[in-house]
Amino acid sequence: MPEPILEVAVLNVVPGQNTEFEAAFRVAQDIISGMDGYVRHTLKRGVERPSEYVLLVWWESLEAHTVGFRGSPQYAEWRALLHHFYDPFPTVLHYGAVEGVPT
């Protein structure tokens, strides 16, 4: 199998809504983890900026995320659970492996 693609999203949560966001994410992670092409994910909260999170999701391919997940009915559920917490809305970027560098 080729090296997975890494999705990186910096999530700026409205201050004071961390607890609600984290609870909603615990539900939403079951949605994403059931998608075709999903490999794994992690969510980290900022130490210096506690309202900032980094979501890392590994996918089998770019299309598994951009077409498969985002084009699915499950994405509407994900969006309803999480998108109202973000200000501003996050930029999502994708990264691939660098040859000769450990993953």
PDB file of N, CA and C in Angstrom:
ATOM      1  N   MET A   1       0.846  -1.187   0.000  1.00  0.00           N
ATOM      2  CA  MET A   1       0.000   0.000   0.000  1.00  0.00           C
ATOM      3  C   MET A   1       0.885   1.241   0.000  1.00  0.00           C
ATOM      4  N   PRO A   2       0.551   2.236  -0.820  1.00  0.00           N
ATOM      5  CA  PRO A   2       1.321   3.485  -0.821  1.00  0.00           C
ATOM      6  C   PRO A   2       1.198   4.194   0.527  1.00  0.00           C
ATOM      7  N   GLU A   3       2.126   5.098   0.755  1.00  0.00           N
ATOM      8  CA  GLU A   3       2.132   5.890   1.985  1.00  0.00           C
ATOM      9  C   GLU A   3       0.840   6.703   2.070  1.00  0.00           C
ATOM     10  N   PRO A   4       0.183   6.717   3.250  1.00  0.00           N
ATOM     11  CA  PRO A   4      -1.058   7.491   3.379  1.00  0.00           C
ATOM     12  C   PRO A   4      -0.831   8.995   3.189  1.00  0.00           C
ATOM     13  N   ILE A   5      -1.896   9.670   2.832  1.00  0.00           N
ATOM     14  CA  ILE A   5      -1.922  11.126   2.729  1.00  0.00           C
ATOM     15  C   ILE A   5      -2.355  11.668   4.098  1.00  0.00           C
ATOM     16  N   LEU A   6      -1.689  12.721   4.540  1.00  0.00           N
ATOM     17  CA  LEU A   6      -2.016  13.332   5.826  1.00  0.00           C
ATOM     18  C   LEU A   6      -2.827  14.604   5.601  1.00  0.00           C
ATOM     19  N   GLU A   7      -4.013  14.639   6.168  1.00  0.00           N
ATOM     20  CA  GLU A   7      -4.851  15.840   6.189  1.00  0.00           C
ATOM     21  C   GLU A   7      -4.511  16.613   7.460  1.00  0.00           C
ATOM     22  N   VAL A   8      -4.267  17.907   7.322  1.00  0.00           N
ATOM     23  CA  VAL A   8      -3.949  18.759   8.470  1.00  0.00           C
ATOM     24  C   VAL A   8      -4.933  19.929   8.489  1.00  0.00           C
ATOM     25  N   ALA A   9      -5.629  20.069   9.611  1.00  0.00           N
ATOM     26  CA  ALA A   9      -6.566  21.178   9.778  1.00  0.00           C
ATOM     27  C   ALA A   9      -6.302  21.846  11.114  1.00  0.00           C
ATOM     28  N   VAL A  10      -6.055  23.149  11.088  1.00  0.00           N
ATOM     29  CA  VAL A  10      -5.938  23.928  12.316  1.00  0.00           C
ATOM     30  C   VAL A  10      -7.336  24.465  12.610  1.00  0.00           C
ATOM     31  N   LEU A  11      -7.857  24.072  13.760  1.00  0.00           N
ATOM     32  CA  LEU A  11      -9.231  24.393  14.130  1.00  0.00           C
ATOM     33  C   LEU A  11      -9.233  25.445  15.239  1.00  0.00           C
ATOM     34  N   ASN A  12      -9.687  26.642  14.923  1.00  0.00           N
ATOM     35  CA  ASN A  12      -9.826  27.703  15.912  1.00  0.00           C
ATOM     36  C   ASN A  12     -11.256  27.670  16.429  1.00  0.00           C
ATOM     37  N   VAL A  13     -11.389  27.213  17.666  1.00  0.00           N
ATOM     38  CA  VAL A  13     -12.701  27.060  18.288  1.00  0.00           C
ATOM     39  C   VAL A  13     -13.061  28.369  18.996  1.00  0.00           C
ATOM     40  N   VAL A  14     -14.311  28.745  18.911  1.00  0.00           N
ATOM     41  CA  VAL A  14     -14.785  29.953  19.578  1.00  0.00           C
ATOM     42  C   VAL A  14     -14.420  29.847  21.066  1.00  0.00           C
ATOM     43  N   PRO A  15     -13.735  30.853  21.602  1.00  0.00           N
ATOM     44  CA  PRO A  15     -13.339  30.794  23.015  1.00  0.00           C
ATOM     45  C   PRO A  15     -14.529  30.508  23.932  1.00  0.00           C
ATOM     46  N   GLY A  16     -14.282  29.642  24.907  1.00  0.00           N
ATOM     47  CA  GLY A  16     -15.320  29.267  25.856  1.00  0.00           C
ATOM     48  C   GLY A  16     -16.142  28.069  25.436  1.00  0.00           C
ATOM     49  N   GLN A  17     -15.901  27.546  24.214  1.00  0.00           N
ATOM     50  CA  GLN A  17     -16.683  26.417  23.726  1.00  0.00           C
ATOM     51  C   GLN A  17     -15.863  25.127  23.616  1.00  0.00           C
ATOM     52  N   ASN A  18     -14.701  25.084  24.262  1.00  0.00           N
ATOM     53  CA  ASN A  18     -13.836  23.908  24.187  1.00  0.00           C
ATOM     54  C   ASN A  18     -14.542  22.635  24.651  1.00  0.00           C
ATOM     55  N   THR A  19     -15.204  22.705  25.790  1.00  0.00           N
ATOM     56  CA  THR A  19     -15.850  21.513  26.347  1.00  0.00           C
ATOM     57  C   THR A  19     -16.901  20.968  25.398  1.00  0.00           C
ATOM     58  N   GLU A  20     -17.721  21.851  24.856  1.00  0.00           N
ATOM     59  CA  GLU A  20     -18.769  21.429  23.919  1.00  0.00           C
ATOM     60  C   GLU A  20     -18.162  20.893  22.632  1.00  0.00           C
ATOM     61  N   PHE A  21     -17.116  21.563  22.135  1.00  0.00           N
ATOM     62  CA  PHE A  21     -16.459  21.095  20.920  1.00  0.00           C
ATOM     63  C   PHE A  21     -15.875  19.698  21.129  1.00  0.00           C
ATOM     64  N   GLU A  22     -15.163  19.503  22.211  1.00  0.00           N
ATOM     65  CA  GLU A  22     -14.540  18.203  22.458  1.00  0.00           C
ATOM     66  C   GLU A  22     -15.580  17.096  22.601  1.00  0.00           C
ATOM     67  N   ALA A  23     -16.705  17.392  23.229  1.00  0.00           N
ATOM     68  CA  ALA A  23     -17.782  16.404  23.336  1.00  0.00           C
ATOM     69  C   ALA A  23     -18.350  16.072  21.957  1.00  0.00           C
ATOM     70  N   ALA A  24     -18.568  17.096  21.133  1.00  0.00           N
ATOM     71  CA  ALA A  24     -19.079  16.863  19.775  1.00  0.00           C
ATOM     72  C   ALA A  24     -18.065  16.096  18.943  1.00  0.00           C
ATOM     73  N   PHE A  25     -16.775  16.388  19.127  1.00  0.00           N
ATOM     74  CA  PHE A  25     -15.754  15.674  18.361  1.00  0.00           C
ATOM     75  C   PHE A  25     -15.728  14.199  18.724  1.00  0.00           C
ATOM     76  N   ARG A  26     -15.933  13.873  19.994  1.00  0.00           N
ATOM     77  CA  ARG A  26     -15.961  12.460  20.392  1.00  0.00           C
ATOM     78  C   ARG A  26     -17.041  11.695  19.640  1.00  0.00           C
ATOM     79  N   VAL A  27     -18.149  12.344  19.350  1.00  0.00           N
ATOM     80  CA  VAL A  27     -19.212  11.729  18.548  1.00  0.00           C
ATOM     81  C   VAL A  27     -18.793  11.698  17.077  1.00  0.00           C
ATOM     82  N   ALA A  28     -18.294  12.824  16.582  1.00  0.00           N
ATOM     83  CA  ALA A  28     -17.954  12.954  15.159  1.00  0.00           C
ATOM     84  C   ALA A  28     -16.837  12.009  14.731  1.00  0.00           C
ATOM     85  N   GLN A  29     -15.914  11.692  15.640  1.00  0.00           N
ATOM     86  CA  GLN A  29     -14.805  10.825  15.243  1.00  0.00           C
ATOM     87  C   GLN A  29     -15.286   9.430  14.838  1.00  0.00           C
ATOM     88  N   ASP A  30     -16.429   9.003  15.353  1.00  0.00           N
ATOM     89  CA  ASP A  30     -16.978   7.715  14.921  1.00  0.00           C
ATOM     90  C   ASP A  30     -17.445   7.767  13.473  1.00  0.00           C
ATOM     91  N   ILE A  31     -17.852   8.944  13.027  1.00  0.00           N
ATOM     92  CA  ILE A  31     -18.271   9.106  11.633  1.00  0.00           C
ATOM     93  C   ILE A  31     -17.068   8.960  10.716  1.00  0.00           C
ATOM     94  N   ILE A  32     -16.035   9.726  10.981  1.00  0.00           N
ATOM     95  CA  ILE A  32     -14.879   9.729  10.085  1.00  0.00           C
ATOM     96  C   ILE A  32     -14.153   8.378  10.095  1.00  0.00           C
ATOM     97  N   SER A  33     -14.085   7.757  11.256  1.00  0.00           N
ATOM     98  CA  SER A  33     -13.335   6.497  11.340  1.00  0.00           C
ATOM     99  C   SER A  33     -14.029   5.345  10.624  1.00  0.00           C
ATOM    100  N   GLY A  34     -15.296   5.526  10.276  1.00  0.00           N
ATOM    101  CA  GLY A  34     -16.013   4.496   9.531  1.00  0.00           C
ATOM    102  C   GLY A  34     -15.975   4.676   8.024  1.00  0.00           C
ATOM    103  N   MET A  35     -15.275   5.688   7.545  1.00  0.00           N
ATOM    104  CA  MET A  35     -15.260   5.990   6.113  1.00  0.00           C
ATOM    105  C   MET A  35     -14.256   5.121   5.360  1.00  0.00           C
ATOM    106  N   ASP A  36     -14.595   4.789   4.119  1.00  0.00           N
ATOM    107  CA  ASP A  36     -13.651   4.076   3.249  1.00  0.00           C
ATOM    108  C   ASP A  36     -12.417   4.937   3.056  1.00  0.00           C
ATOM    109  N   GLY A  37     -11.257   4.327   3.143  1.00  0.00           N
ATOM    110  CA  GLY A  37     -10.006   5.032   2.931  1.00  0.00           C
ATOM    111  C   GLY A  37      -9.436   5.694   4.166  1.00  0.00           C
ATOM    112  N   TYR A  38     -10.178   5.674   5.264  1.00  0.00           N
ATOM    113  CA  TYR A  38      -9.690   6.225   6.528  1.00  0.00           C
ATOM    114  C   TYR A  38      -8.615   5.295   7.086  1.00  0.00           C
ATOM    115  N   VAL A  39      -7.533   5.883   7.618  1.00  0.00           N
ATOM    116  CA  VAL A  39      -6.467   5.103   8.242  1.00  0.00           C
ATOM    117  C   VAL A  39      -6.468   5.334   9.753  1.00  0.00           C
ATOM    118  N   ARG A  40      -6.306   6.584  10.173  1.00  0.00           N
ATOM    119  CA  ARG A  40      -6.327   6.928  11.600  1.00  0.00           C
ATOM    120  C   ARG A  40      -6.396   8.440  11.746  1.00  0.00           C
ATOM    121  N   HIS A  41      -6.608   8.888  12.978  1.00  0.00           N
ATOM    122  CA  HIS A  41      -6.646  10.327  13.241  1.00  0.00           C
ATOM    123  C   HIS A  41      -6.193  10.616  14.659  1.00  0.00           C
ATOM    124  N   THR A  42      -5.890  11.872  14.897  1.00  0.00           N
ATOM    125  CA  THR A  42      -5.633  12.383  16.244  1.00  0.00           C
ATOM    126  C   THR A  42      -6.038  13.846  16.285  1.00  0.00           C
ATOM    127  N   LEU A  43      -6.404  14.295  17.468  1.00  0.00           N
ATOM    128  CA  LEU A  43      -6.762  15.694  17.692  1.00  0.00           C
ATOM    129  C   LEU A  43      -5.926  16.180  18.865  1.00  0.00           C
ATOM    130  N   LYS A  44      -5.251  17.318  18.687  1.00  0.00           N
ATOM    131  CA  LYS A  44      -4.407  17.896  19.730  1.00  0.00           C
ATOM    132  C   LYS A  44      -4.884  19.314  20.033  1.00  0.00           C
ATOM    133  N   ARG A  45      -4.881  19.672  21.335  1.00  0.00           N
ATOM    134  CA  ARG A  45      -5.264  21.021  21.752  1.00  0.00           C
ATOM    135  C   ARG A  45      -4.012  21.842  22.005  1.00  0.00           C
ATOM    136  N   GLY A  46      -4.053  23.116  21.632  1.00  0.00           N
ATOM    137  CA  GLY A  46      -2.919  24.007  21.826  1.00  0.00           C
ATOM    138  C   GLY A  46      -2.608  24.230  23.296  1.00  0.00           C
ATOM    139  N   VAL A  47      -1.334  24.275  23.613  1.00  0.00           N
ATOM    140  CA  VAL A  47      -0.889  24.554  24.977  1.00  0.00           C
ATOM    141  C   VAL A  47      -0.893  26.068  25.198  1.00  0.00           C
ATOM    142  N   GLU A  48      -0.260  26.797  24.284  1.00  0.00           N
ATOM    143  CA  GLU A  48      -0.223  28.252  24.403  1.00  0.00           C
ATOM    144  C   GLU A  48      -1.557  28.895  24.028  1.00  0.00           C
ATOM    145  N   ARG A  49      -2.283  28.262  23.104  1.00  0.00           N
ATOM    146  CA  ARG A  49      -3.582  28.776  22.650  1.00  0.00           C
ATOM    147  C   ARG A  49      -4.622  27.675  22.820  1.00  0.00           C
ATOM    148  N   PRO A  50      -5.228  27.548  23.993  1.00  0.00           N
ATOM    149  CA  PRO A  50      -6.116  26.422  24.269  1.00  0.00           C
ATOM    150  C   PRO A  50      -7.390  26.356  23.427  1.00  0.00           C
ATOM    151  N   SER A  51      -7.717  27.403  22.698  1.00  0.00           N
ATOM    152  CA  SER A  51      -8.877  27.342  21.798  1.00  0.00           C
ATOM    153  C   SER A  51      -8.484  26.887  20.394  1.00  0.00           C
ATOM    154  N   GLU A  52      -7.196  26.593  20.197  1.00  0.00           N
ATOM    155  CA  GLU A  52      -6.709  26.136  18.894  1.00  0.00           C
ATOM    156  C   GLU A  52      -6.397  24.641  18.967  1.00  0.00           C
ATOM    157  N   TYR A  53      -6.884  23.918  17.990  1.00  0.00           N
ATOM    158  CA  TYR A  53      -6.674  22.475  17.898  1.00  0.00           C
ATOM    159  C   TYR A  53      -6.032  22.161  16.556  1.00  0.00           C
ATOM    160  N   VAL A  54      -5.336  21.035  16.498  1.00  0.00           N
ATOM    161  CA  VAL A  54      -4.825  20.519  15.230  1.00  0.00           C
ATOM    162  C   VAL A  54      -5.436  19.138  15.044  1.00  0.00           C
ATOM    163  N   LEU A  55      -6.131  18.973  13.931  1.00  0.00           N
ATOM    164  CA  LEU A  55      -6.701  17.681  13.567  1.00  0.00           C
ATOM    165  C   LEU A  55      -5.823  17.078  12.484  1.00  0.00           C
ATOM    166  N   LEU A  56      -5.325  15.879  12.738  1.00  0.00           N
ATOM    167  CA  LEU A  56      -4.525  15.137  11.768  1.00  0.00           C
ATOM    168  C   LEU A  56      -5.294  13.873  11.411  1.00  0.00           C
ATOM    169  N   VAL A  57      -5.537  13.674  10.112  1.00  0.00           N
ATOM    170  CA  VAL A  57      -6.230  12.476   9.649  1.00  0.00           C
ATOM    171  C   VAL A  57      -5.415  11.871   8.520  1.00  0.00           C
ATOM    172  N   TRP A  58      -5.118  10.589   8.650  1.00  0.00           N
ATOM    173  CA  TRP A  58      -4.404   9.871   7.604  1.00  0.00           C
ATOM    174  C   TRP A  58      -5.429   9.141   6.747  1.00  0.00           C
ATOM    175  N   TRP A  59      -5.284   9.302   5.422  1.00  0.00           N
ATOM    176  CA  TRP A  59      -6.179   8.693   4.435  1.00  0.00           C
ATOM    177  C   TRP A  59      -5.359   7.838   3.476  1.00  0.00           C
ATOM    178  N   GLU A  60      -5.977   6.816   2.926  1.00  0.00           N
ATOM    179  CA  GLU A  60      -5.300   5.974   1.940  1.00  0.00           C
ATOM    180  C   GLU A  60      -4.950   6.754   0.685  1.00  0.00           C
ATOM    181  N   SER A  61      -5.749   7.769   0.365  1.00  0.00           N
ATOM    182  CA  SER A  61      -5.502   8.608  -0.819  1.00  0.00           C
ATOM    183  C   SER A  61      -6.146   9.969  -0.598  1.00  0.00           C
ATOM    184  N   LEU A  62      -5.746  10.939  -1.391  1.00  0.00           N
ATOM    185  CA  LEU A  62      -6.358  12.264  -1.338  1.00  0.00           C
ATOM    186  C   LEU A  62      -7.853  12.173  -1.638  1.00  0.00           C
ATOM    187  N   GLU A  63      -8.196  11.354  -2.624  1.00  0.00           N
ATOM    188  CA  GLU A  63      -9.595  11.225  -3.042  1.00  0.00           C
ATOM    189  C   GLU A  63     -10.474  10.606  -1.962  1.00  0.00           C
ATOM    190  N   ALA A  64      -9.891   9.755  -1.115  1.00  0.00           N
ATOM    191  CA  ALA A  64     -10.669   9.166  -0.020  1.00  0.00           C
ATOM    192  C   ALA A  64     -11.238  10.271   0.867  1.00  0.00           C
ATOM    193  N   HIS A  65     -10.470  11.352   1.019  1.00  0.00           N
ATOM    194  CA  HIS A  65     -10.955  12.479   1.820  1.00  0.00           C
ATOM    195  C   HIS A  65     -11.801  13.442   0.990  1.00  0.00           C
ATOM    196  N   THR A  66     -11.224  13.931  -0.110  1.00  0.00           N
ATOM    197  CA  THR A  66     -11.861  15.025  -0.844  1.00  0.00           C
ATOM    198  C   THR A  66     -13.109  14.607  -1.607  1.00  0.00           C
ATOM    199  N   VAL A  67     -13.135  13.371  -2.084  1.00  0.00           N
ATOM    200  CA  VAL A  67     -14.296  12.888  -2.846  1.00  0.00           C
ATOM    201  C   VAL A  67     -15.149  11.969  -1.980  1.00  0.00           C
ATOM    202  N   GLY A  68     -14.497  10.945  -1.400  1.00  0.00           N
ATOM    203  CA  GLY A  68     -15.236   9.952  -0.627  1.00  0.00           C
ATOM    204  C   GLY A  68     -15.918  10.525   0.605  1.00  0.00           C
ATOM    205  N   PHE A  69     -15.143  11.126   1.486  1.00  0.00           N
ATOM    206  CA  PHE A  69     -15.724  11.654   2.722  1.00  0.00           C
ATOM    207  C   PHE A  69     -16.536  12.913   2.472  1.00  0.00           C
ATOM    208  N   ARG A  70     -15.933  13.891   1.827  1.00  0.00           N
ATOM    209  CA  ARG A  70     -16.644  15.163   1.640  1.00  0.00           C
ATOM    210  C   ARG A  70     -17.871  15.035   0.749  1.00  0.00           C
ATOM    211  N   GLY A  71     -17.903  14.016  -0.098  1.00  0.00           N
ATOM    212  CA  GLY A  71     -19.063  13.806  -0.963  1.00  0.00           C
ATOM    213  C   GLY A  71     -20.102  12.868  -0.378  1.00  0.00           C
ATOM    214  N   SER A  72     -19.899  12.441   0.858  1.00  0.00           N
ATOM    215  CA  SER A  72     -20.781  11.443   1.462  1.00  0.00           C
ATOM    216  C   SER A  72     -21.891  12.085   2.292  1.00  0.00           C
ATOM    217  N   PRO A  73     -22.974  11.341   2.529  1.00  0.00           N
ATOM    218  CA  PRO A  73     -24.016  11.824   3.440  1.00  0.00           C
ATOM    219  C   PRO A  73     -23.481  11.993   4.874  1.00  0.00           C
ATOM    220  N   GLN A  74     -22.473  11.218   5.239  1.00  0.00           N
ATOM    221  CA  GLN A  74     -21.901  11.311   6.580  1.00  0.00           C
ATOM    222  C   GLN A  74     -21.228  12.667   6.806  1.00  0.00           C
ATOM    223  N   TYR A  75     -20.734  13.274   5.717  1.00  0.00           N
ATOM    224  CA  TYR A  75     -20.091  14.577   5.860  1.00  0.00           C
ATOM    225  C   TYR A  75     -21.085  15.630   6.353  1.00  0.00           C
ATOM    226  N   ALA A  76     -22.332  15.538   5.935  1.00  0.00           N
ATOM    227  CA  ALA A  76     -23.348  16.485   6.401  1.00  0.00           C
ATOM    228  C   ALA A  76     -23.531  16.365   7.913  1.00  0.00           C
ATOM    229  N   GLU A  77     -23.475  15.152   8.426  1.00  0.00           N
ATOM    230  CA  GLU A  77     -23.589  14.931   9.866  1.00  0.00           C
ATOM    231  C   GLU A  77     -22.366  15.497  10.591  1.00  0.00           C
ATOM    232  N   TRP A  78     -21.169  15.255  10.039  1.00  0.00           N
ATOM    233  CA  TRP A  78     -19.916  15.793  10.582  1.00  0.00           C
ATOM    234  C   TRP A  78     -19.986  17.322  10.649  1.00  0.00           C
ATOM    235  N   ARG A  79     -20.406  17.903   9.541  1.00  0.00           N
ATOM    236  CA  ARG A  79     -20.519  19.366   9.436  1.00  0.00           C
ATOM    237  C   ARG A  79     -21.493  19.915  10.486  1.00  0.00           C
ATOM    238  N   ALA A  80     -22.641  19.265  10.655  1.00  0.00           N
ATOM    239  CA  ALA A  80     -23.634  19.730  11.623  1.00  0.00           C
ATOM    240  C   ALA A  80     -23.112  19.645  13.056  1.00  0.00           C
ATOM    241  N   LEU A  81     -22.314  18.640  13.340  1.00  0.00           N
ATOM    242  CA  LEU A  81     -21.764  18.471  14.684  1.00  0.00           C
ATOM    243  C   LEU A  81     -20.670  19.485  15.007  1.00  0.00           C
ATOM    244  N   LEU A  82     -19.838  19.848  14.011  1.00  0.00           N
ATOM    245  CA  LEU A  82     -18.600  20.561  14.315  1.00  0.00           C
ATOM    246  C   LEU A  82     -18.436  21.963  13.737  1.00  0.00           C
ATOM    247  N   HIS A  83     -18.946  22.215  12.564  1.00  0.00           N
ATOM    248  CA  HIS A  83     -18.568  23.441  11.860  1.00  0.00           C
ATOM    249  C   HIS A  83     -18.978  24.728  12.570  1.00  0.00           C
ATOM    250  N   HIS A  84     -20.003  24.700  13.376  1.00  0.00           N
ATOM    251  CA  HIS A  84     -20.430  25.929  14.063  1.00  0.00           C
ATOM    252  C   HIS A  84     -19.481  26.348  15.187  1.00  0.00           C
ATOM    253  N   PHE A  85     -18.512  25.499  15.538  1.00  0.00           N
ATOM    254  CA  PHE A  85     -17.537  25.842  16.577  1.00  0.00           C
ATOM    255  C   PHE A  85     -16.369  26.671  16.044  1.00  0.00           C
ATOM    256  N   TYR A  86     -16.173  26.734  14.729  1.00  0.00           N
ATOM    257  CA  TYR A  86     -14.960  27.324  14.162  1.00  0.00           C
ATOM    258  C   TYR A  86     -15.119  28.804  13.841  1.00  0.00           C
ATOM    259  N   ASP A  87     -14.100  29.573  14.222  1.00  0.00           N
ATOM    260  CA  ASP A  87     -14.034  30.989  13.848  1.00  0.00           C
ATOM    261  C   ASP A  87     -12.569  31.415  13.832  1.00  0.00           C
ATOM    262  N   PRO A  88     -11.997  31.583  12.649  1.00  0.00           N
ATOM    263  CA  PRO A  88     -12.580  31.448  11.312  1.00  0.00           C
ATOM    264  C   PRO A  88     -12.653  29.972  10.902  1.00  0.00           C
ATOM    265  N   PHE A  89     -13.296  29.740   9.759  1.00  0.00           N
ATOM    266  CA  PHE A  89     -13.386  28.376   9.247  1.00  0.00           C
ATOM    267  C   PHE A  89     -11.982  27.910   8.855  1.00  0.00           C
ATOM    268  N   PRO A  90     -11.630  26.664   9.186  1.00  0.00           N
ATOM    269  CA  PRO A  90     -10.253  26.202   8.966  1.00  0.00           C
ATOM    270  C   PRO A  90      -9.892  25.982   7.500  1.00  0.00           C
ATOM    271  N   THR A  91      -8.620  26.168   7.236  1.00  0.00           N
ATOM    272  CA  THR A  91      -8.037  25.743   5.974  1.00  0.00           C
ATOM    273  C   THR A  91      -7.544  24.320   6.174  1.00  0.00           C
ATOM    274  N   VAL A  92      -7.852  23.464   5.235  1.00  0.00           N
ATOM    275  CA  VAL A  92      -7.439  22.064   5.310  1.00  0.00           C
ATOM    276  C   VAL A  92      -6.442  21.806   4.187  1.00  0.00           C
ATOM    277  N   LEU A  93      -5.284  21.268   4.555  1.00  0.00           N
ATOM    278  CA  LEU A  93      -4.235  20.961   3.579  1.00  0.00           C
ATOM    279  C   LEU A  93      -3.866  19.488   3.679  1.00  0.00           C
ATOM    280  N   HIS A  94      -3.263  18.978   2.613  1.00  0.00           N
ATOM    281  CA  HIS A  94      -2.887  17.573   2.546  1.00  0.00           C
ATOM    282  C   HIS A  94      -1.388  17.451   2.280  1.00  0.00           C
ATOM    283  N   TYR A  95      -0.773  16.430   2.877  1.00  0.00           N
ATOM    284  CA  TYR A  95       0.680  16.245   2.779  1.00  0.00           C
ATOM    285  C   TYR A  95       0.986  14.780   2.475  1.00  0.00           C
ATOM    286  N   GLY A  96       2.041  14.595   1.691  1.00  0.00           N
ATOM    287  CA  GLY A  96       2.525  13.260   1.374  1.00  0.00           C
ATOM    288  C   GLY A  96       3.924  13.057   1.940  1.00  0.00           C
ATOM    289  N   ALA A  97       4.380  11.832   1.877  1.00  0.00           N
ATOM    290  CA  ALA A  97       5.677  11.456   2.430  1.00  0.00           C
ATOM    291  C   ALA A  97       6.811  12.103   1.632  1.00  0.00           C
ATOM    292  N   VAL A  98       7.946  12.283   2.302  1.00  0.00           N
ATOM    293  CA  VAL A  98       9.170  12.735   1.680  1.00  0.00           C
ATOM    294  C   VAL A  98      10.084  11.524   1.598  1.00  0.00           C
ATOM    295  N   GLU A  99      10.513  11.195   0.405  1.00  0.00           N
ATOM    296  CA  GLU A  99      11.349  10.012   0.191  1.00  0.00           C
ATOM    297  C   GLU A  99      12.607  10.071   1.047  1.00  0.00           C
ATOM    298  N   GLY A 100      12.891   8.956   1.723  1.00  0.00           N
ATOM    299  CA  GLY A 100      14.094   8.841   2.528  1.00  0.00           C
ATOM    300  C   GLY A 100      13.989   9.404   3.929  1.00  0.00           C
ATOM    301  N   VAL A 101      12.796   9.894   4.291  1.00  0.00           N
ATOM    302  CA  VAL A 101      12.584  10.450   5.627  1.00  0.00           C
ATOM    303  C   VAL A 101      11.562   9.552   6.338  1.00  0.00           C
ATOM    304  N   PRO A 102      11.863   9.137   7.572  1.00  0.00           N
ATOM    305  CA  PRO A 102      10.921   8.257   8.279  1.00  0.00           C
ATOM    306  C   PRO A 102       9.558   8.901   8.454  1.00  0.00           C
ATOM    307  N   THR A 103       8.533   8.061   8.446  1.00  0.00           N
ATOM    308  CA  THR A 103       7.169   8.571   8.650  1.00  0.00           C
ATOM    309  C   THR A 103       6.732   8.330  10.075  1.00  0.00           C
TER     310      THR A 103
END
